[in-house]
Amino acid sequence: MHLFKSVYVQINIKFFHLVCIVGLLFVPHGIPEAIAQSSEYGRRIEAEMRLSPQDIDRFEKFQPPEDNLKPLNPNQTLDLKTEDWLGNAIYATKDAGPYTLVVTLIGKATAAGDVSTLWNSGWRLGDGAERTASFPGLSKLSVKAGQRVEMTKASQPMRFKESQTIRPLLALVRAKNFAFESMTVQVWSGVGDNSWKDILLSFRWLIGGLVFLLLRWWWVKR
């Protein structure tokens, strides 16, 4: 009886050690420093830019052409007349990507109803070329007349094949029922916290299979 208990305890101890080892294999070592400054938008904030009153005034006075007011698909927004803003240059390395713009827009609803804005966002590269995409989502439903509205939206992350100087770019396509007050743009680099969770979840079956194989190997070896 004592021999059976001793063997049982030894098996449990070995199993506990094995589980600890397997768990340590999948801890993302080397990330603690990044986690300290990371967010859902990226691992590191590279820059934060507040648009000037002159920039805000240009957006406020922009009168979109009739073509801008029609129902648009994402590709159509890139060919329209827009009111543009170009941010300060930053140096983007290919290994630190992807790069994401996080835009916070503050203002007031001019009337009761929905507030909506439509933009293009992207980057101007060092050689003058631009990489842009439609940027909807800075909108809010069912607001009161005169209500203060704050909206935050992240652009589509973008990677660069070569390290280079880039400048963030925003282009207003149209704004409805909104009076501009202020606007802030952050540039984030790296994969955000939510993305890391998604990556780990996508490998959960592989991890489970490896754990099963290790347990089977341990059982045979014992």
C-alpha atoms as a PDB file:
ATOM      1  CA  MET A   1       0.000   0.000   0.000  1.00  0.00           C
ATOM      2  CA  HIS A   2       2.814   2.366   0.939  1.00  0.00           C
ATOM      3  CA  LEU A   3       4.665   1.436  -2.252  1.00  0.00           C
ATOM      4  CA  PHE A   4       1.556   2.268  -4.321  1.00  0.00           C
ATOM      5  CA  LYS A   5       1.215   5.662  -2.589  1.00  0.00           C
ATOM      6  CA  SER A   6       4.899   6.409  -3.152  1.00  0.00           C
ATOM      7  CA  VAL A   7       4.659   5.612  -6.858  1.00  0.00           C
ATOM      8  CA  TYR A   8       1.449   7.660  -7.134  1.00  0.00           C
ATOM      9  CA  VAL A   9       3.103  10.681  -5.479  1.00  0.00           C
ATOM     10  CA  GLN A  10       6.161  10.395  -7.722  1.00  0.00           C
ATOM     11  CA  ILE A  11       3.941  10.263 -10.824  1.00  0.00           C
ATOM     12  CA  ASN A  12       2.033  13.338  -9.692  1.00  0.00           C
ATOM     13  CA  ILE A  13       5.249  15.255  -8.998  1.00  0.00           C
ATOM     14  CA  LYS A  14       6.668  14.352 -12.398  1.00  0.00           C
ATOM     15  CA  PHE A  15       3.384  15.287 -14.066  1.00  0.00           C
ATOM     16  CA  PHE A  16       3.384  18.655 -12.251  1.00  0.00           C
ATOM     17  CA  HIS A  17       6.959  19.341 -13.353  1.00  0.00           C
ATOM     18  CA  LEU A  18       6.094  18.424 -16.920  1.00  0.00           C
ATOM     19  CA  VAL A  19       3.079  20.754 -16.984  1.00  0.00           C
ATOM     20  CA  CYS A  20       5.239  23.600 -15.617  1.00  0.00           C
ATOM     21  CA  ILE A  21       7.869  22.999 -18.283  1.00  0.00           C
ATOM     22  CA  VAL A  22       5.273  22.898 -21.058  1.00  0.00           C
ATOM     23  CA  GLY A  23       3.676  26.081 -19.749  1.00  0.00           C
ATOM     24  CA  LEU A  24       7.023  27.885 -19.689  1.00  0.00           C
ATOM     25  CA  LEU A  25       7.658  26.896 -23.292  1.00  0.00           C
ATOM     26  CA  PHE A  26       4.718  29.021 -24.386  1.00  0.00           C
ATOM     27  CA  VAL A  27       5.330  32.095 -22.251  1.00  0.00           C
ATOM     28  CA  PRO A  28       6.222  34.923 -24.696  1.00  0.00           C
ATOM     29  CA  HIS A  29       9.686  35.683 -23.308  1.00  0.00           C
ATOM     30  CA  GLY A  30      11.242  38.970 -24.335  1.00  0.00           C
ATOM     31  CA  ILE A  31       7.894  40.829 -24.380  1.00  0.00           C
ATOM     32  CA  PRO A  32       7.595  42.204 -20.794  1.00  0.00           C
ATOM     33  CA  GLU A  33       9.116  45.589 -21.679  1.00  0.00           C
ATOM     34  CA  ALA A  34       6.821  45.933 -24.698  1.00  0.00           C
ATOM     35  CA  ILE A  35       3.767  44.986 -22.670  1.00  0.00           C
ATOM     36  CA  ALA A  36       4.490  47.813 -20.243  1.00  0.00           C
ATOM     37  CA  GLN A  37       3.943  50.367 -23.004  1.00  0.00           C
ATOM     38  CA  SER A  38       1.677  48.422 -25.333  1.00  0.00           C
ATOM     39  CA  SER A  39      -2.020  48.847 -26.009  1.00  0.00           C
ATOM     40  CA  GLU A  40      -4.634  47.366 -28.296  1.00  0.00           C
ATOM     41  CA  TYR A  41      -3.189  49.580 -31.054  1.00  0.00           C
ATOM     42  CA  GLY A  42       0.449  48.458 -30.909  1.00  0.00           C
ATOM     43  CA  ARG A  43       3.494  47.749 -28.782  1.00  0.00           C
ATOM     44  CA  ARG A  44       5.039  51.205 -28.839  1.00  0.00           C
ATOM     45  CA  ILE A  45       3.772  54.740 -29.412  1.00  0.00           C
ATOM     46  CA  GLU A  46       6.111  56.479 -31.849  1.00  0.00           C
ATOM     47  CA  ALA A  47       4.525  59.935 -31.991  1.00  0.00           C
ATOM     48  CA  GLU A  48       1.509  61.973 -30.922  1.00  0.00           C
ATOM     49  CA  MET A  49       0.451  64.989 -32.972  1.00  0.00           C
ATOM     50  CA  ARG A  50      -2.246  67.543 -32.208  1.00  0.00           C
ATOM     51  CA  LEU A  51      -3.621  69.313 -35.240  1.00  0.00           C
ATOM     52  CA  SER A  52      -3.291  73.082 -35.233  1.00  0.00           C
ATOM     53  CA  PRO A  53      -6.306  75.449 -35.066  1.00  0.00           C
ATOM     54  CA  GLN A  54      -5.587  76.301 -38.706  1.00  0.00           C
ATOM     55  CA  ASP A  55      -5.895  72.624 -39.688  1.00  0.00           C
ATOM     56  CA  ILE A  56      -9.150  72.302 -37.757  1.00  0.00           C
ATOM     57  CA  ASP A  57     -10.483  75.430 -39.429  1.00  0.00           C
ATOM     58  CA  ARG A  58      -9.697  74.006 -42.880  1.00  0.00           C
ATOM     59  CA  PHE A  59     -11.659  70.848 -42.086  1.00  0.00           C
ATOM     60  CA  GLU A  60     -14.534  72.895 -40.689  1.00  0.00           C
ATOM     61  CA  LYS A  61     -14.772  75.019 -43.839  1.00  0.00           C
ATOM     62  CA  PHE A  62     -14.377  72.153 -46.302  1.00  0.00           C
ATOM     63  CA  GLN A  63     -17.327  71.904 -48.697  1.00  0.00           C
ATOM     64  CA  PRO A  64     -17.353  68.411 -50.203  1.00  0.00           C
ATOM     65  CA  PRO A  65     -18.341  68.152 -53.885  1.00  0.00           C
ATOM     66  CA  GLU A  66     -21.487  66.307 -54.872  1.00  0.00           C
ATOM     67  CA  ASP A  67     -19.474  63.193 -55.737  1.00  0.00           C
ATOM     68  CA  ASN A  68     -18.317  62.957 -52.115  1.00  0.00           C
ATOM     69  CA  LEU A  69     -21.899  62.846 -50.847  1.00  0.00           C
ATOM     70  CA  LYS A  70     -22.939  59.787 -52.833  1.00  0.00           C
ATOM     71  CA  PRO A  71     -22.813  56.219 -51.460  1.00  0.00           C
ATOM     72  CA  LEU A  72     -19.172  55.203 -51.845  1.00  0.00           C
ATOM     73  CA  ASN A  73     -17.193  52.006 -51.726  1.00  0.00           C
ATOM     74  CA  PRO A  74     -13.682  52.054 -50.204  1.00  0.00           C
ATOM     75  CA  ASN A  75     -11.919  52.347 -53.565  1.00  0.00           C
ATOM     76  CA  GLN A  76     -14.009  55.298 -54.733  1.00  0.00           C
ATOM     77  CA  THR A  77     -13.023  57.496 -51.795  1.00  0.00           C
ATOM     78  CA  LEU A  78      -9.395  57.532 -52.960  1.00  0.00           C
ATOM     79  CA  ASP A  79     -10.191  59.398 -56.189  1.00  0.00           C
ATOM     80  CA  LEU A  80     -12.225  62.260 -54.715  1.00  0.00           C
ATOM     81  CA  LYS A  81     -11.367  65.844 -53.848  1.00  0.00           C
ATOM     82  CA  THR A  82     -10.426  66.003 -50.163  1.00  0.00           C
ATOM     83  CA  GLU A  83      -9.108  68.362 -47.508  1.00  0.00           C
ATOM     84  CA  ASP A  84      -5.730  66.940 -46.478  1.00  0.00           C
ATOM     85  CA  TRP A  85      -3.487  66.989 -43.429  1.00  0.00           C
ATOM     86  CA  LEU A  86       0.137  65.820 -43.392  1.00  0.00           C
ATOM     87  CA  GLY A  87       1.828  65.033 -40.093  1.00  0.00           C
ATOM     88  CA  ASN A  88       5.418  65.210 -38.907  1.00  0.00           C
ATOM     89  CA  ALA A  89       7.956  62.770 -40.290  1.00  0.00           C
ATOM     90  CA  ILE A  90       8.974  59.701 -38.307  1.00  0.00           C
ATOM     91  CA  TYR A  91      11.511  57.014 -39.101  1.00  0.00           C
ATOM     92  CA  ALA A  92       9.806  53.654 -39.632  1.00  0.00           C
ATOM     93  CA  THR A  93      11.841  50.458 -39.538  1.00  0.00           C
ATOM     94  CA  LYS A  94      10.667  47.347 -41.331  1.00  0.00           C
ATOM     95  CA  ASP A  95      11.177  45.215 -38.214  1.00  0.00           C
ATOM     96  CA  ALA A  96       9.046  47.434 -35.938  1.00  0.00           C
ATOM     97  CA  GLY A  97       5.915  47.242 -38.103  1.00  0.00           C
ATOM     98  CA  PRO A  98       3.086  47.276 -38.636  1.00  0.00           C
ATOM     99  CA  TYR A  99       2.373  50.980 -38.157  1.00  0.00           C
ATOM    100  CA  THR A 100      -1.082  52.185 -37.137  1.00  0.00           C
ATOM    101  CA  LEU A 101      -2.711  55.602 -36.943  1.00  0.00           C
ATOM    102  CA  VAL A 102      -5.048  56.203 -34.003  1.00  0.00           C
ATOM    103  CA  VAL A 103      -7.217  59.260 -34.566  1.00  0.00           C
ATOM    104  CA  THR A 104      -9.260  60.997 -31.875  1.00  0.00           C
ATOM    105  CA  LEU A 105     -11.756  63.559 -33.142  1.00  0.00           C
ATOM    106  CA  ILE A 106     -13.644  65.933 -30.835  1.00  0.00           C
ATOM    107  CA  GLY A 107     -16.447  68.328 -31.685  1.00  0.00           C
ATOM    108  CA  LYS A 108     -20.166  68.973 -31.353  1.00  0.00           C
ATOM    109  CA  ALA A 109     -23.274  67.784 -33.119  1.00  0.00           C
ATOM    110  CA  THR A 110     -24.868  70.664 -34.993  1.00  0.00           C
ATOM    111  CA  ALA A 111     -28.325  69.043 -34.777  1.00  0.00           C
ATOM    112  CA  ALA A 112     -30.020  66.040 -33.221  1.00  0.00           C
ATOM    113  CA  GLY A 113     -29.289  62.825 -35.093  1.00  0.00           C
ATOM    114  CA  ASP A 114     -26.259  60.894 -36.298  1.00  0.00           C
ATOM    115  CA  VAL A 115     -22.750  62.322 -36.589  1.00  0.00           C
ATOM    116  CA  SER A 116     -20.680  60.868 -39.411  1.00  0.00           C
ATOM    117  CA  THR A 117     -17.310  61.591 -40.976  1.00  0.00           C
ATOM    118  CA  LEU A 118     -15.478  59.796 -43.765  1.00  0.00           C
ATOM    119  CA  TRP A 119     -11.735  59.978 -44.372  1.00  0.00           C
ATOM    120  CA  ASN A 120      -8.831  58.469 -46.232  1.00  0.00           C
ATOM    121  CA  SER A 121      -5.784  57.650 -44.129  1.00  0.00           C
ATOM    122  CA  GLY A 122      -2.280  56.460 -44.847  1.00  0.00           C
ATOM    123  CA  TRP A 123       1.329  57.460 -45.240  1.00  0.00           C
ATOM    124  CA  ARG A 124       3.471  59.607 -47.469  1.00  0.00           C
ATOM    125  CA  LEU A 125       6.762  57.826 -48.078  1.00  0.00           C
ATOM    126  CA  GLY A 126      10.196  59.344 -48.370  1.00  0.00           C
ATOM    127  CA  ASP A 127      10.118  59.191 -52.171  1.00  0.00           C
ATOM    128  CA  GLY A 128       6.840  61.138 -52.306  1.00  0.00           C
ATOM    129  CA  ALA A 129       4.619  58.142 -53.000  1.00  0.00           C
ATOM    130  CA  GLU A 130       1.483  57.685 -50.914  1.00  0.00           C
ATOM    131  CA  ARG A 131      -0.128  54.540 -49.513  1.00  0.00           C
ATOM    132  CA  THR A 132      -3.700  55.312 -48.522  1.00  0.00           C
ATOM    133  CA  ALA A 133      -6.965  53.521 -47.781  1.00  0.00           C
ATOM    134  CA  SER A 134     -10.510  54.474 -46.925  1.00  0.00           C
ATOM    135  CA  PHE A 135     -10.920  55.321 -43.239  1.00  0.00           C
ATOM    136  CA  PRO A 136     -14.555  55.268 -42.044  1.00  0.00           C
ATOM    137  CA  GLY A 137     -15.707  54.820 -38.463  1.00  0.00           C
ATOM    138  CA  LEU A 138     -15.243  58.242 -36.840  1.00  0.00           C
ATOM    139  CA  SER A 139     -18.988  58.477 -36.342  1.00  0.00           C
ATOM    140  CA  LYS A 140     -21.607  58.330 -33.594  1.00  0.00           C
ATOM    141  CA  LEU A 141     -25.309  57.507 -33.683  1.00  0.00           C
ATOM    142  CA  SER A 142     -28.246  59.302 -32.068  1.00  0.00           C
ATOM    143  CA  VAL A 143     -26.723  62.391 -30.448  1.00  0.00           C
ATOM    144  CA  LYS A 144     -28.450  65.514 -29.179  1.00  0.00           C
ATOM    145  CA  ALA A 145     -28.107  68.934 -30.755  1.00  0.00           C
ATOM    146  CA  GLY A 146     -25.029  70.669 -29.323  1.00  0.00           C
ATOM    147  CA  GLN A 147     -23.796  67.465 -27.652  1.00  0.00           C
ATOM    148  CA  ARG A 148     -20.027  67.109 -27.294  1.00  0.00           C
ATOM    149  CA  VAL A 149     -18.824  64.137 -29.301  1.00  0.00           C
ATOM    150  CA  GLU A 150     -15.485  62.327 -28.962  1.00  0.00           C
ATOM    151  CA  MET A 151     -14.624  59.559 -31.420  1.00  0.00           C
ATOM    152  CA  THR A 152     -11.506  57.378 -31.633  1.00  0.00           C
ATOM    153  CA  LYS A 153     -10.636  54.997 -34.455  1.00  0.00           C
ATOM    154  CA  ALA A 154      -7.535  53.077 -35.527  1.00  0.00           C
ATOM    155  CA  SER A 155      -6.509  52.837 -39.162  1.00  0.00           C
ATOM    156  CA  GLN A 156      -5.607  49.631 -40.919  1.00  0.00           C
ATOM    157  CA  PRO A 157      -2.081  48.571 -39.817  1.00  0.00           C
ATOM    158  CA  MET A 158       0.541  48.861 -42.535  1.00  0.00           C
ATOM    159  CA  ARG A 159       4.002  47.348 -42.965  1.00  0.00           C
ATOM    160  CA  PHE A 160       6.909  48.722 -44.959  1.00  0.00           C
ATOM    161  CA  LYS A 161       9.393  46.523 -46.817  1.00  0.00           C
ATOM    162  CA  GLU A 162      12.237  48.968 -46.182  1.00  0.00           C
ATOM    163  CA  SER A 163      13.138  51.228 -43.274  1.00  0.00           C
ATOM    164  CA  GLN A 164      12.391  54.813 -44.271  1.00  0.00           C
ATOM    165  CA  THR A 165      10.982  58.177 -43.281  1.00  0.00           C
ATOM    166  CA  ILE A 166       7.184  58.339 -43.411  1.00  0.00           C
ATOM    167  CA  ARG A 167       4.556  60.978 -42.673  1.00  0.00           C
ATOM    168  CA  PRO A 168       0.996  60.229 -41.486  1.00  0.00           C
ATOM    169  CA  LEU A 169      -1.716  61.418 -43.835  1.00  0.00           C
ATOM    170  CA  LEU A 170      -5.418  62.161 -43.292  1.00  0.00           C
ATOM    171  CA  ALA A 171      -7.836  63.330 -45.985  1.00  0.00           C
ATOM    172  CA  LEU A 172     -11.373  64.444 -45.138  1.00  0.00           C
ATOM    173  CA  VAL A 173     -13.912  63.167 -47.670  1.00  0.00           C
ATOM    174  CA  ARG A 174     -17.025  64.501 -45.950  1.00  0.00           C
ATOM    175  CA  ALA A 175     -18.491  65.348 -42.536  1.00  0.00           C
ATOM    176  CA  LYS A 176     -22.162  65.420 -41.611  1.00  0.00           C
ATOM    177  CA  ASN A 177     -23.798  67.083 -38.592  1.00  0.00           C
ATOM    178  CA  PHE A 178     -20.459  67.844 -36.960  1.00  0.00           C
ATOM    179  CA  ALA A 179     -18.565  70.965 -35.875  1.00  0.00           C
ATOM    180  CA  PHE A 180     -14.815  70.327 -35.518  1.00  0.00           C
ATOM    181  CA  GLU A 181     -13.050  71.365 -32.303  1.00  0.00           C
ATOM    182  CA  SER A 182      -9.847  69.344 -31.992  1.00  0.00           C
ATOM    183  CA  MET A 183      -8.067  66.332 -33.400  1.00  0.00           C
ATOM    184  CA  THR A 184      -5.169  64.183 -32.190  1.00  0.00           C
ATOM    185  CA  VAL A 185      -3.209  61.586 -34.146  1.00  0.00           C
ATOM    186  CA  GLN A 186      -1.040  58.897 -32.564  1.00  0.00           C
ATOM    187  CA  VAL A 187       1.372  56.640 -34.443  1.00  0.00           C
ATOM    188  CA  TRP A 188       1.762  53.146 -32.977  1.00  0.00           C
ATOM    189  CA  SER A 189       4.197  50.457 -34.077  1.00  0.00           C
ATOM    190  CA  GLY A 190       4.086  46.716 -33.577  1.00  0.00           C
ATOM    191  CA  VAL A 191       1.314  44.233 -32.928  1.00  0.00           C
ATOM    192  CA  GLY A 192      -1.294  45.297 -30.359  1.00  0.00           C
ATOM    193  CA  ASP A 193      -2.350  43.339 -27.275  1.00  0.00           C
ATOM    194  CA  ASN A 194      -5.550  42.065 -28.863  1.00  0.00           C
ATOM    195  CA  SER A 195      -3.574  40.840 -31.853  1.00  0.00           C
ATOM    196  CA  TRP A 196      -1.240  38.825 -29.606  1.00  0.00           C
ATOM    197  CA  LYS A 197      -4.260  37.157 -28.025  1.00  0.00           C
ATOM    198  CA  ASP A 198      -5.645  36.346 -31.464  1.00  0.00           C
ATOM    199  CA  ILE A 199      -2.307  34.852 -32.525  1.00  0.00           C
ATOM    200  CA  LEU A 200      -2.103  32.647 -29.430  1.00  0.00           C
ATOM    201  CA  LEU A 201      -5.706  31.531 -29.877  1.00  0.00           C
ATOM    202  CA  SER A 202      -5.035  30.614 -33.490  1.00  0.00           C
ATOM    203  CA  PHE A 203      -2.279  28.237 -32.320  1.00  0.00           C
ATOM    204  CA  ARG A 204      -4.298  26.679 -29.485  1.00  0.00           C
ATOM    205  CA  TRP A 205      -4.837  23.378 -31.323  1.00  0.00           C
ATOM    206  CA  LEU A 206      -1.133  23.115 -32.173  1.00  0.00           C
ATOM    207  CA  ILE A 207      -0.213  23.801 -28.553  1.00  0.00           C
ATOM    208  CA  GLY A 208      -2.742  21.215 -27.380  1.00  0.00           C
ATOM    209  CA  GLY A 209      -1.302  18.656 -29.784  1.00  0.00           C
ATOM    210  CA  LEU A 210       2.247  19.295 -28.572  1.00  0.00           C
ATOM    211  CA  VAL A 211       1.157  18.953 -24.954  1.00  0.00           C
ATOM    212  CA  PHE A 212      -0.535  15.632 -25.798  1.00  0.00           C
ATOM    213  CA  LEU A 213       2.617  14.340 -27.525  1.00  0.00           C
ATOM    214  CA  LEU A 214       4.803  15.361 -24.581  1.00  0.00           C
ATOM    215  CA  LEU A 215       2.482  13.651 -22.135  1.00  0.00           C
ATOM    216  CA  ARG A 216       2.447  10.490 -24.255  1.00  0.00           C
ATOM    217  CA  TRP A 217       6.259  10.543 -24.500  1.00  0.00           C
ATOM    218  CA  TRP A 218       6.523  10.945 -20.743  1.00  0.00           C
ATOM    219  CA  TRP A 219       4.106   8.059 -20.141  1.00  0.00           C
ATOM    220  CA  VAL A 220       6.091   5.717 -22.411  1.00  0.00           C
ATOM    221  CA  LYS A 221       9.450   6.748 -20.930  1.00  0.00           C
ATOM    222  CA  ARG A 222       8.381   6.222 -17.357  1.00  0.00           C
END
